[in-house]
PDB file of N, CA and C in Angstrom:
ATOM      1  N   UNK A   1     123.227  86.476 122.324  1.00  0.00           N
ATOM      2  CA  UNK A   1     122.760  87.589 121.641  1.00  0.00           C
ATOM      3  C   UNK A   1     122.956  87.213 120.097  1.00  0.00           C
ATOM      4  N   UNK A   2     121.959  87.505 119.347  1.00  0.00           N
ATOM      5  CA  UNK A   2     121.920  87.220 117.878  1.00  0.00           C
ATOM      6  C   UNK A   2     122.742  88.300 117.190  1.00  0.00           C
ATOM      7  N   UNK A   3     123.127  87.971 115.956  1.00  0.00           N
ATOM      8  CA  UNK A   3     123.948  88.942 115.164  1.00  0.00           C
ATOM      9  C   UNK A   3     123.011  90.104 114.873  1.00  0.00           C
ATOM     10  N   UNK A   4     121.725  89.940 114.731  1.00  0.00           N
ATOM     11  CA  UNK A   4     120.825  91.060 114.533  1.00  0.00           C
ATOM     12  C   UNK A   4     120.825  91.989 115.710  1.00  0.00           C
ATOM     13  N   UNK A   5     120.799  91.441 116.902  1.00  0.00           N
ATOM     14  CA  UNK A   5     120.841  92.195 118.104  1.00  0.00           C
ATOM     15  C   UNK A   5     122.097  92.961 118.247  1.00  0.00           C
ATOM     16  N   UNK A   6     123.254  92.298 117.907  1.00  0.00           N
ATOM     17  CA  UNK A   6     124.546  92.869 117.982  1.00  0.00           C
ATOM     18  C   UNK A   6     124.639  94.068 116.993  1.00  0.00           C
ATOM     19  N   UNK A   7     124.135  93.869 115.734  1.00  0.00           N
ATOM     20  CA  UNK A   7     124.134  94.962 114.765  1.00  0.00           C
ATOM     21  C   UNK A   7     123.379  96.144 115.335  1.00  0.00           C
ATOM     22  N   UNK A   8     122.148  95.909 115.990  1.00  0.00           N
ATOM     23  CA  UNK A   8     121.481  97.073 116.513  1.00  0.00           C
ATOM     24  C   UNK A   8     122.261  97.754 117.593  1.00  0.00           C
ATOM     25  N   UNK A   9     122.932  97.065 118.449  1.00  0.00           N
ATOM     26  CA  UNK A   9     123.799  97.686 119.452  1.00  0.00           C
ATOM     27  C   UNK A   9     124.940  98.431 118.832  1.00  0.00           C
ATOM     28  N   UNK A  10     125.633  97.845 117.822  1.00  0.00           N
ATOM     29  CA  UNK A  10     126.743  98.525 117.177  1.00  0.00           C
ATOM     30  C   UNK A  10     126.202  99.781 116.445  1.00  0.00           C
ATOM     31  N   UNK A  11     125.015  99.740 115.883  1.00  0.00           N
ATOM     32  CA  UNK A  11     124.442 100.941 115.216  1.00  0.00           C
ATOM     33  C   UNK A  11     124.185 102.019 116.245  1.00  0.00           C
ATOM     34  N   UNK A  12     123.655 101.636 117.498  1.00  0.00           N
ATOM     35  CA  UNK A  12     123.447 102.603 118.547  1.00  0.00           C
ATOM     36  C   UNK A  12     124.696 103.270 118.916  1.00  0.00           C
ATOM     37  N   UNK A  13     125.861 102.523 119.068  1.00  0.00           N
ATOM     38  CA  UNK A  13     127.176 103.027 119.430  1.00  0.00           C
ATOM     39  C   UNK A  13     127.675 104.069 118.337  1.00  0.00           C
ATOM     40  N   UNK A  14     127.497 103.699 117.114  1.00  0.00           N
ATOM     41  CA  UNK A  14     127.947 104.507 116.030  1.00  0.00           C
ATOM     42  C   UNK A  14     127.111 105.815 115.923  1.00  0.00           C
ATOM     43  N   UNK A  15     125.828 105.723 116.067  1.00  0.00           N
ATOM     44  CA  UNK A  15     124.933 106.836 115.986  1.00  0.00           C
ATOM     45  C   UNK A  15     125.235 107.798 117.220  1.00  0.00           C
ATOM     46  N   UNK A  16     125.360 107.217 118.361  1.00  0.00           N
ATOM     47  CA  UNK A  16     125.592 108.030 119.621  1.00  0.00           C
ATOM     48  C   UNK A  16     126.980 108.649 119.568  1.00  0.00           C
ATOM     49  N   UNK A  17     127.963 107.944 119.147  1.00  0.00           N
ATOM     50  CA  UNK A  17     129.398 108.392 119.196  1.00  0.00           C
ATOM     51  C   UNK A  17     129.706 109.354 118.089  1.00  0.00           C
ATOM     52  N   UNK A  18     129.201 109.123 116.868  1.00  0.00           N
ATOM     53  CA  UNK A  18     129.574 109.861 115.648  1.00  0.00           C
ATOM     54  C   UNK A  18     128.470 110.655 115.030  1.00  0.00           C
ATOM     55  N   UNK A  19     127.334 110.674 115.596  1.00  0.00           N
ATOM     56  CA  UNK A  19     126.193 111.345 115.074  1.00  0.00           C
ATOM     57  C   UNK A  19     125.784 110.913 113.690  1.00  0.00           C
ATOM     58  N   UNK A  20     125.940 109.679 113.384  1.00  0.00           N
ATOM     59  CA  UNK A  20     125.469 109.147 112.079  1.00  0.00           C
ATOM     60  C   UNK A  20     123.946 109.061 112.162  1.00  0.00           C
ATOM     61  N   UNK A  21     123.324 109.015 111.011  1.00  0.00           N
ATOM     62  CA  UNK A  21     121.982 108.564 110.828  1.00  0.00           C
ATOM     63  C   UNK A  21     121.949 107.089 110.789  1.00  0.00           C
ATOM     64  N   UNK A  22     121.064 106.470 111.509  1.00  0.00           N
ATOM     65  CA  UNK A  22     121.010 105.034 111.571  1.00  0.00           C
ATOM     66  C   UNK A  22     120.978 104.384 110.138  1.00  0.00           C
ATOM     67  N   UNK A  23     120.356 105.089 109.137  1.00  0.00           N
ATOM     68  CA  UNK A  23     120.349 104.522 107.765  1.00  0.00           C
ATOM     69  C   UNK A  23     121.754 104.356 107.163  1.00  0.00           C
ATOM     70  N   UNK A  24     122.665 105.148 107.703  1.00  0.00           N
ATOM     71  CA  UNK A  24     124.039 105.075 107.208  1.00  0.00           C
ATOM     72  C   UNK A  24     124.771 103.772 107.675  1.00  0.00           C
ATOM     73  N   UNK A  25     124.259 103.070 108.626  1.00  0.00           N
ATOM     74  CA  UNK A  25     124.923 101.938 109.168  1.00  0.00           C
ATOM     75  C   UNK A  25     124.210 100.677 108.695  1.00  0.00           C
ATOM     76  N   UNK A  26     125.016  99.842 107.938  1.00  0.00           N
ATOM     77  CA  UNK A  26     124.566  98.660 107.351  1.00  0.00           C
ATOM     78  C   UNK A  26     125.716  97.694 107.334  1.00  0.00           C
ATOM     79  N   UNK A  27     125.522  96.421 107.235  1.00  0.00           N
ATOM     80  CA  UNK A  27     126.549  95.461 107.452  1.00  0.00           C
ATOM     81  C   UNK A  27     127.758  95.626 106.530  1.00  0.00           C
ATOM     82  N   UNK A  28     127.566  96.027 105.289  1.00  0.00           N
ATOM     83  CA  UNK A  28     128.714  96.102 104.331  1.00  0.00           C
ATOM     84  C   UNK A  28     129.351  97.571 104.344  1.00  0.00           C
ATOM     85  N   UNK A  29     128.800  98.440 105.278  1.00  0.00           N
ATOM     86  CA  UNK A  29     129.424  99.770 105.289  1.00  0.00           C
ATOM     87  C   UNK A  29     130.821  99.737 105.747  1.00  0.00           C
ATOM     88  N   UNK A  30     131.753 100.256 104.875  1.00  0.00           N
ATOM     89  CA  UNK A  30     133.171 100.312 105.162  1.00  0.00           C
ATOM     90  C   UNK A  30     133.372 101.481 106.102  1.00  0.00           C
ATOM     91  N   UNK A  31     134.113 101.216 107.208  1.00  0.00           N
ATOM     92  CA  UNK A  31     134.310 102.148 108.289  1.00  0.00           C
ATOM     93  C   UNK A  31     135.032 103.364 107.765  1.00  0.00           C
ATOM     94  N   UNK A  32     136.010 103.164 106.850  1.00  0.00           N
ATOM     95  CA  UNK A  32     136.870 104.300 106.390  1.00  0.00           C
ATOM     96  C   UNK A  32     136.194 104.927 105.100  1.00  0.00           C
ATOM     97  N   UNK A  33     135.883 104.081 104.139  1.00  0.00           N
ATOM     98  CA  UNK A  33     135.400 104.631 102.967  1.00  0.00           C
ATOM     99  C   UNK A  33     134.002 105.224 103.003  1.00  0.00           C
ATOM    100  N   UNK A  34     133.184 104.476 103.639  1.00  0.00           N
ATOM    101  CA  UNK A  34     131.678 104.906 103.620  1.00  0.00           C
ATOM    102  C   UNK A  34     131.335 105.751 104.894  1.00  0.00           C
ATOM    103  N   UNK A  35     131.937 105.437 106.000  1.00  0.00           N
ATOM    104  CA  UNK A  35     131.644 106.214 107.226  1.00  0.00           C
ATOM    105  C   UNK A  35     132.676 107.261 107.608  1.00  0.00           C
ATOM    106  N   UNK A  36     133.749 107.314 106.851  1.00  0.00           N
ATOM    107  CA  UNK A  36     134.794 108.315 106.992  1.00  0.00           C
ATOM    108  C   UNK A  36     135.308 108.350 108.396  1.00  0.00           C
ATOM    109  N   UNK A  37     135.495 107.229 109.031  1.00  0.00           N
ATOM    110  CA  UNK A  37     136.263 107.101 110.369  1.00  0.00           C
ATOM    111  C   UNK A  37     137.665 107.073 110.189  1.00  0.00           C
ATOM    112  N   UNK A  38     138.457 107.718 111.083  1.00  0.00           N
ATOM    113  CA  UNK A  38     139.930 107.627 111.031  1.00  0.00           C
ATOM    114  C   UNK A  38     140.390 106.895 112.205  1.00  0.00           C
ATOM    115  N   UNK A  39     141.700 106.877 112.439  1.00  0.00           N
ATOM    116  CA  UNK A  39     142.327 106.024 113.548  1.00  0.00           C
ATOM    117  C   UNK A  39     141.888 106.510 114.913  1.00  0.00           C
ATOM    118  N   UNK A  40     141.668 107.862 115.099  1.00  0.00           N
ATOM    119  CA  UNK A  40     141.271 108.297 116.410  1.00  0.00           C
ATOM    120  C   UNK A  40     139.766 107.908 116.617  1.00  0.00           C
ATOM    121  N   UNK A  41     138.963 107.918 115.515  1.00  0.00           N
ATOM    122  CA  UNK A  41     137.589 107.438 115.601  1.00  0.00           C
ATOM    123  C   UNK A  41     137.510 106.016 116.026  1.00  0.00           C
ATOM    124  N   UNK A  42     138.452 105.231 115.444  1.00  0.00           N
ATOM    125  CA  UNK A  42     138.562 103.782 115.739  1.00  0.00           C
ATOM    126  C   UNK A  42     138.765 103.524 117.208  1.00  0.00           C
ATOM    127  N   UNK A  43     139.539 104.379 117.793  1.00  0.00           N
ATOM    128  CA  UNK A  43     139.797 104.174 119.300  1.00  0.00           C
ATOM    129  C   UNK A  43     138.507 104.470 120.101  1.00  0.00           C
ATOM    130  N   UNK A  44     137.812 105.528 119.680  1.00  0.00           N
ATOM    131  CA  UNK A  44     136.600 105.993 120.286  1.00  0.00           C
ATOM    132  C   UNK A  44     135.564 104.849 120.171  1.00  0.00           C
ATOM    133  N   UNK A  45     135.422 104.306 118.897  1.00  0.00           N
ATOM    134  CA  UNK A  45     134.555 103.236 118.697  1.00  0.00           C
ATOM    135  C   UNK A  45     134.805 102.040 119.474  1.00  0.00           C
ATOM    136  N   UNK A  46     136.083 101.640 119.609  1.00  0.00           N
ATOM    137  CA  UNK A  46     136.524 100.490 120.427  1.00  0.00           C
ATOM    138  C   UNK A  46     136.117 100.707 121.833  1.00  0.00           C
ATOM    139  N   UNK A  47     136.317 101.850 122.358  1.00  0.00           N
ATOM    140  CA  UNK A  47     135.901 102.116 123.811  1.00  0.00           C
ATOM    141  C   UNK A  47     134.425 102.025 123.925  1.00  0.00           C
ATOM    142  N   UNK A  48     133.719 102.642 123.008  1.00  0.00           N
ATOM    143  CA  UNK A  48     132.250 102.516 123.070  1.00  0.00           C
ATOM    144  C   UNK A  48     131.750 101.151 122.985  1.00  0.00           C
ATOM    145  N   UNK A  49     132.343 100.322 122.137  1.00  0.00           N
ATOM    146  CA  UNK A  49     131.922  98.938 122.064  1.00  0.00           C
ATOM    147  C   UNK A  49     132.169  98.131 123.334  1.00  0.00           C
ATOM    148  N   UNK A  50     133.337  98.402 123.883  1.00  0.00           N
ATOM    149  CA  UNK A  50     133.743  97.751 125.143  1.00  0.00           C
ATOM    150  C   UNK A  50     132.771  98.115 126.202  1.00  0.00           C
ATOM    151  N   UNK A  51     132.417  99.389 126.302  1.00  0.00           N
ATOM    152  CA  UNK A  51     131.445  99.840 127.349  1.00  0.00           C
ATOM    153  C   UNK A  51     130.103  99.266 127.070  1.00  0.00           C
ATOM    154  N   UNK A  52     129.650  99.145 125.861  1.00  0.00           N
ATOM    155  CA  UNK A  52     128.419  98.613 125.463  1.00  0.00           C
ATOM    156  C   UNK A  52     128.254  97.122 125.703  1.00  0.00           C
ATOM    157  N   UNK A  53     129.277  96.408 125.463  1.00  0.00           N
ATOM    158  CA  UNK A  53     129.298  94.911 125.553  1.00  0.00           C
ATOM    159  C   UNK A  53     129.910  94.310 126.762  1.00  0.00           C
ATOM    160  N   UNK A  54     130.804  95.097 127.414  1.00  0.00           N
ATOM    161  CA  UNK A  54     131.469  94.514 128.534  1.00  0.00           C
ATOM    162  C   UNK A  54     132.675  93.646 128.158  1.00  0.00           C
ATOM    163  N   UNK A  55     132.984  93.589 126.892  1.00  0.00           N
ATOM    164  CA  UNK A  55     133.993  92.797 126.348  1.00  0.00           C
ATOM    165  C   UNK A  55     135.324  93.533 126.315  1.00  0.00           C
ATOM    166  N   UNK A  56     136.397  92.821 126.380  1.00  0.00           N
ATOM    167  CA  UNK A  56     137.739  93.434 126.140  1.00  0.00           C
ATOM    168  C   UNK A  56     138.073  93.085 124.690  1.00  0.00           C
ATOM    169  N   UNK A  57     138.309  94.140 123.934  1.00  0.00           N
ATOM    170  CA  UNK A  57     138.711  93.898 122.469  1.00  0.00           C
ATOM    171  C   UNK A  57     140.195  94.154 122.329  1.00  0.00           C
ATOM    172  N   UNK A  58     140.859  93.177 121.806  1.00  0.00           N
ATOM    173  CA  UNK A  58     142.348  93.240 121.689  1.00  0.00           C
ATOM    174  C   UNK A  58     142.635  94.120 120.484  1.00  0.00           C
ATOM    175  N   UNK A  59     143.826  94.783 120.535  1.00  0.00           N
ATOM    176  CA  UNK A  59     144.249  95.596 119.435  1.00  0.00           C
ATOM    177  C   UNK A  59     144.343  94.793 118.129  1.00  0.00           C
ATOM    178  N   UNK A  60     144.801  93.582 118.192  1.00  0.00           N
ATOM    179  CA  UNK A  60     144.906  92.765 116.952  1.00  0.00           C
ATOM    180  C   UNK A  60     143.664  92.480 116.336  1.00  0.00           C
ATOM    181  N   UNK A  61     142.620  92.243 117.241  1.00  0.00           N
ATOM    182  CA  UNK A  61     141.225  91.991 116.723  1.00  0.00           C
ATOM    183  C   UNK A  61     140.648  93.264 116.048  1.00  0.00           C
ATOM    184  N   UNK A  62     140.940  94.421 116.608  1.00  0.00           N
ATOM    185  CA  UNK A  62     140.424  95.681 116.070  1.00  0.00           C
ATOM    186  C   UNK A  62     141.066  95.993 114.728  1.00  0.00           C
ATOM    187  N   UNK A  63     142.286  95.550 114.549  1.00  0.00           N
ATOM    188  CA  UNK A  63     143.026  95.833 113.268  1.00  0.00           C
ATOM    189  C   UNK A  63     142.392  95.138 112.103  1.00  0.00           C
ATOM    190  N   UNK A  64     141.650  94.048 112.371  1.00  0.00           N
ATOM    191  CA  UNK A  64     140.981  93.227 111.346  1.00  0.00           C
ATOM    192  C   UNK A  64     139.726  93.791 110.814  1.00  0.00           C
ATOM    193  N   UNK A  65     139.179  94.773 111.577  1.00  0.00           N
ATOM    194  CA  UNK A  65     137.877  95.300 111.274  1.00  0.00           C
ATOM    195  C   UNK A  65     137.929  96.218 110.109  1.00  0.00           C
ATOM    196  N   UNK A  66     137.141  96.058 109.071  1.00  0.00           N
ATOM    197  CA  UNK A  66     137.033  96.921 107.958  1.00  0.00           C
ATOM    198  C   UNK A  66     135.637  97.416 107.616  1.00  0.00           C
ATOM    199  N   UNK A  67     134.631  96.482 107.875  1.00  0.00           N
ATOM    200  CA  UNK A  67     133.230  96.894 107.668  1.00  0.00           C
ATOM    201  C   UNK A  67     132.415  96.607 108.899  1.00  0.00           C
ATOM    202  N   UNK A  68     131.233  97.088 109.024  1.00  0.00           N
ATOM    203  CA  UNK A  68     130.384  96.973 110.174  1.00  0.00           C
ATOM    204  C   UNK A  68     130.168  95.499 110.516  1.00  0.00           C
ATOM    205  N   UNK A  69     130.029  94.702 109.547  1.00  0.00           N
ATOM    206  CA  UNK A  69     129.768  93.254 109.764  1.00  0.00           C
ATOM    207  C   UNK A  69     130.946  92.598 110.487  1.00  0.00           C
ATOM    208  N   UNK A  70     132.145  93.075 110.226  1.00  0.00           N
ATOM    209  CA  UNK A  70     133.374  92.630 110.977  1.00  0.00           C
ATOM    210  C   UNK A  70     133.238  92.825 112.472  1.00  0.00           C
ATOM    211  N   UNK A  71     132.644  93.962 112.817  1.00  0.00           N
ATOM    212  CA  UNK A  71     132.426  94.324 114.265  1.00  0.00           C
ATOM    213  C   UNK A  71     131.389  93.316 114.862  1.00  0.00           C
ATOM    214  N   UNK A  72     130.270  93.092 114.090  1.00  0.00           N
ATOM    215  CA  UNK A  72     129.219  92.243 114.593  1.00  0.00           C
ATOM    216  C   UNK A  72     129.812  90.750 114.776  1.00  0.00           C
ATOM    217  N   UNK A  73     130.565  90.293 113.778  1.00  0.00           N
ATOM    218  CA  UNK A  73     131.119  88.987 113.835  1.00  0.00           C
ATOM    219  C   UNK A  73     132.158  88.830 114.988  1.00  0.00           C
ATOM    220  N   UNK A  74     133.005  89.808 115.246  1.00  0.00           N
ATOM    221  CA  UNK A  74     133.954  89.795 116.354  1.00  0.00           C
ATOM    222  C   UNK A  74     133.163  89.681 117.701  1.00  0.00           C
ATOM    223  N   UNK A  75     132.177  90.570 117.888  1.00  0.00           N
ATOM    224  CA  UNK A  75     131.482  90.588 119.121  1.00  0.00           C
ATOM    225  C   UNK A  75     130.750  89.233 119.299  1.00  0.00           C
ATOM    226  N   UNK A  76     130.118  88.798 118.235  1.00  0.00           N
ATOM    227  CA  UNK A  76     129.382  87.415 118.339  1.00  0.00           C
ATOM    228  C   UNK A  76     130.319  86.389 118.691  1.00  0.00           C
ATOM    229  N   UNK A  77     131.516  86.378 118.077  1.00  0.00           N
ATOM    230  CA  UNK A  77     132.494  85.274 118.383  1.00  0.00           C
ATOM    231  C   UNK A  77     132.945  85.361 119.881  1.00  0.00           C
ATOM    232  N   UNK A  78     133.259  86.661 120.266  1.00  0.00           N
ATOM    233  CA  UNK A  78     133.725  86.868 121.644  1.00  0.00           C
ATOM    234  C   UNK A  78     132.610  86.487 122.642  1.00  0.00           C
ATOM    235  N   UNK A  79     131.428  86.778 122.461  1.00  0.00           N
ATOM    236  CA  UNK A  79     130.369  86.349 123.323  1.00  0.00           C
ATOM    237  C   UNK A  79     130.163  84.854 123.424  1.00  0.00           C
ATOM    238  N   UNK A  80     130.419  84.211 122.319  1.00  0.00           N
ATOM    239  CA  UNK A  80     130.390  82.704 122.357  1.00  0.00           C
ATOM    240  C   UNK A  80     131.524  82.094 123.129  1.00  0.00           C
ATOM    241  N   UNK A  81     132.619  82.796 123.336  1.00  0.00           N
ATOM    242  CA  UNK A  81     133.716  82.323 124.067  1.00  0.00           C
ATOM    243  C   UNK A  81     133.447  82.227 125.601  1.00  0.00           C
ATOM    244  N   UNK A  82     132.524  83.050 126.068  1.00  0.00           N
ATOM    245  CA  UNK A  82     132.292  83.134 127.461  1.00  0.00           C
ATOM    246  C   UNK A  82     131.493  81.966 127.941  1.00  0.00           C
TER     247      UNK A  82
END
C-alpha cells in the first residue's frame, strides 16, 4: 500500500471517528494542536487504525505520533515488515 493510500485510509478513520471534515486532515496536521485530540481520542484513534489496517500498534509506537504523517509512516513501515 502506498503512503497516499494509507493517508486516505487514515483520513477515513479520522473523519468517521471524530467527525472531521476531510479538508482538516493533511500530513502536517498536528493531532493535538490542529485537530484538538486528547489522550482518550488517541486510544480511539489507535483502535480505529488497528481495525482498519489489521495491524497491532504498540503503545511505544503510538507515543511517537505527533502529526498525521507520523501515522502514515508508522503504518507504511509496519506493512513493510510483513
